[in-house]
Amino acid sequence: DSFNISEVYNLAMYFCVMTLTGVGFGDVAPSGQFEVQVSTVTMFVTGFMWAWVIANIVNVVNNIDPFAT
């Protein structure tokens, strides 16, 4: 199989995002280029959503005033 430069970049981005987000190399893997793109975007979006949730929890805990009435 011969891949062009955009397909190689797409697969490399998928590998990096999958590794860095901790999703792992599970039993189900994308089989085509479109599936790889959708999986990469989904992992990016869910990673940012998770970071946003954690940031909001930290913000709430940080703003708790134990001496408030």
C-alpha atoms as a PDB file:
ATOM      1  CA  ASP A   1       0.000   0.000   0.000  1.00  0.00           C
ATOM      2  CA  SER A   2       1.290   3.415  -0.928  1.00  0.00           C
ATOM      3  CA  PHE A   3       0.103   6.425   1.086  1.00  0.00           C
ATOM      4  CA  ASN A   4       0.286  10.036  -0.009  1.00  0.00           C
ATOM      5  CA  ILE A   5       1.579  12.730   2.352  1.00  0.00           C
ATOM      6  CA  SER A   6      -1.857  13.738   3.672  1.00  0.00           C
ATOM      7  CA  GLU A   7      -2.729  10.139   4.541  1.00  0.00           C
ATOM      8  CA  VAL A   8       0.576   9.670   6.357  1.00  0.00           C
ATOM      9  CA  TYR A   9       0.011  12.912   8.286  1.00  0.00           C
ATOM     10  CA  ASN A  10      -3.542  11.842   9.122  1.00  0.00           C
ATOM     11  CA  LEU A  11      -2.365   8.478  10.467  1.00  0.00           C
ATOM     12  CA  ALA A  12       0.473  10.116  12.411  1.00  0.00           C
ATOM     13  CA  MET A  13      -1.936  12.599  14.021  1.00  0.00           C
ATOM     14  CA  TYR A  14      -4.272   9.734  14.931  1.00  0.00           C
ATOM     15  CA  PHE A  15      -1.422   7.797  16.543  1.00  0.00           C
ATOM     16  CA  CYS A  16      -0.195  10.838  18.515  1.00  0.00           C
ATOM     17  CA  VAL A  17      -3.636  11.887  19.725  1.00  0.00           C
ATOM     18  CA  MET A  18      -4.579   8.332  20.641  1.00  0.00           C
ATOM     19  CA  THR A  19      -1.358   7.903  22.603  1.00  0.00           C
ATOM     20  CA  LEU A  20      -1.429  11.284  24.359  1.00  0.00           C
ATOM     21  CA  THR A  21      -5.108  11.223  25.335  1.00  0.00           C
ATOM     22  CA  GLY A  22      -4.792   7.819  26.919  1.00  0.00           C
ATOM     23  CA  VAL A  23      -7.488   6.247  24.752  1.00  0.00           C
ATOM     24  CA  GLY A  24      -5.174   3.373  23.964  1.00  0.00           C
ATOM     25  CA  PHE A  25      -4.949   0.836  21.203  1.00  0.00           C
ATOM     26  CA  GLY A  26      -8.223  -1.011  21.791  1.00  0.00           C
ATOM     27  CA  ASP A  27      -9.849  -3.813  19.900  1.00  0.00           C
ATOM     28  CA  VAL A  28     -11.824  -1.464  17.631  1.00  0.00           C
ATOM     29  CA  ALA A  29      -9.723   0.562  15.210  1.00  0.00           C
ATOM     30  CA  PRO A  30     -10.658   2.813  12.285  1.00  0.00           C
ATOM     31  CA  SER A  31     -10.251   1.146   8.922  1.00  0.00           C
ATOM     32  CA  GLY A  32     -10.386   4.035   6.454  1.00  0.00           C
ATOM     33  CA  GLN A  33      -8.965   7.536   6.221  1.00  0.00           C
ATOM     34  CA  PHE A  34     -12.331   9.143   7.005  1.00  0.00           C
ATOM     35  CA  GLU A  35     -12.732   7.009  10.127  1.00  0.00           C
ATOM     36  CA  VAL A  36      -9.232   7.984  11.228  1.00  0.00           C
ATOM     37  CA  GLN A  37     -10.098  11.682  10.783  1.00  0.00           C
ATOM     38  CA  VAL A  38     -13.367  11.364  12.702  1.00  0.00           C
ATOM     39  CA  SER A  39     -11.638   9.443  15.510  1.00  0.00           C
ATOM     40  CA  THR A  40      -8.878  12.041  15.773  1.00  0.00           C
ATOM     41  CA  VAL A  41     -11.320  14.944  15.931  1.00  0.00           C
ATOM     42  CA  THR A  42     -13.477  13.106  18.470  1.00  0.00           C
ATOM     43  CA  MET A  43     -10.484  12.426  20.718  1.00  0.00           C
ATOM     44  CA  PHE A  44      -9.393  16.086  20.481  1.00  0.00           C
ATOM     45  CA  VAL A  45     -12.866  17.369  21.347  1.00  0.00           C
ATOM     46  CA  THR A  46     -13.389  14.987  24.251  1.00  0.00           C
ATOM     47  CA  GLY A  47      -9.885  15.765  25.561  1.00  0.00           C
ATOM     48  CA  PHE A  48     -10.659  19.481  25.597  1.00  0.00           C
ATOM     49  CA  MET A  49     -14.060  18.863  27.183  1.00  0.00           C
ATOM     50  CA  TRP A  50     -12.447  16.794  29.929  1.00  0.00           C
ATOM     51  CA  ALA A  51      -9.864  19.534  30.544  1.00  0.00           C
ATOM     52  CA  TRP A  52     -12.690  22.117  30.737  1.00  0.00           C
ATOM     53  CA  VAL A  53     -14.594  20.021  33.296  1.00  0.00           C
ATOM     54  CA  ILE A  54     -11.505  19.563  35.468  1.00  0.00           C
ATOM     55  CA  ALA A  55     -10.690  23.292  35.229  1.00  0.00           C
ATOM     56  CA  ASN A  56     -14.207  24.188  36.375  1.00  0.00           C
ATOM     57  CA  ILE A  57     -14.035  21.785  39.306  1.00  0.00           C
ATOM     58  CA  VAL A  58     -10.687  23.255  40.351  1.00  0.00           C
ATOM     59  CA  ASN A  59     -12.143  26.762  40.013  1.00  0.00           C
ATOM     60  CA  VAL A  60     -15.125  25.920  42.238  1.00  0.00           C
ATOM     61  CA  VAL A  61     -12.935  24.305  44.888  1.00  0.00           C
ATOM     62  CA  ASN A  62     -10.479  27.199  44.720  1.00  0.00           C
ATOM     63  CA  ASN A  63     -13.232  29.780  45.255  1.00  0.00           C
ATOM     64  CA  ILE A  64     -14.770  28.108  48.296  1.00  0.00           C
ATOM     65  CA  ASP A  65     -14.624  30.513  51.209  1.00  0.00           C
ATOM     66  CA  PRO A  66     -14.645  28.580  54.481  1.00  0.00           C
ATOM     67  CA  PHE A  67     -15.399  31.751  56.464  1.00  0.00           C
ATOM     68  CA  ALA A  68     -18.441  32.850  54.441  1.00  0.00           C
ATOM     69  CA  THR A  69     -21.725  33.050  56.288  1.00  0.00           C
END
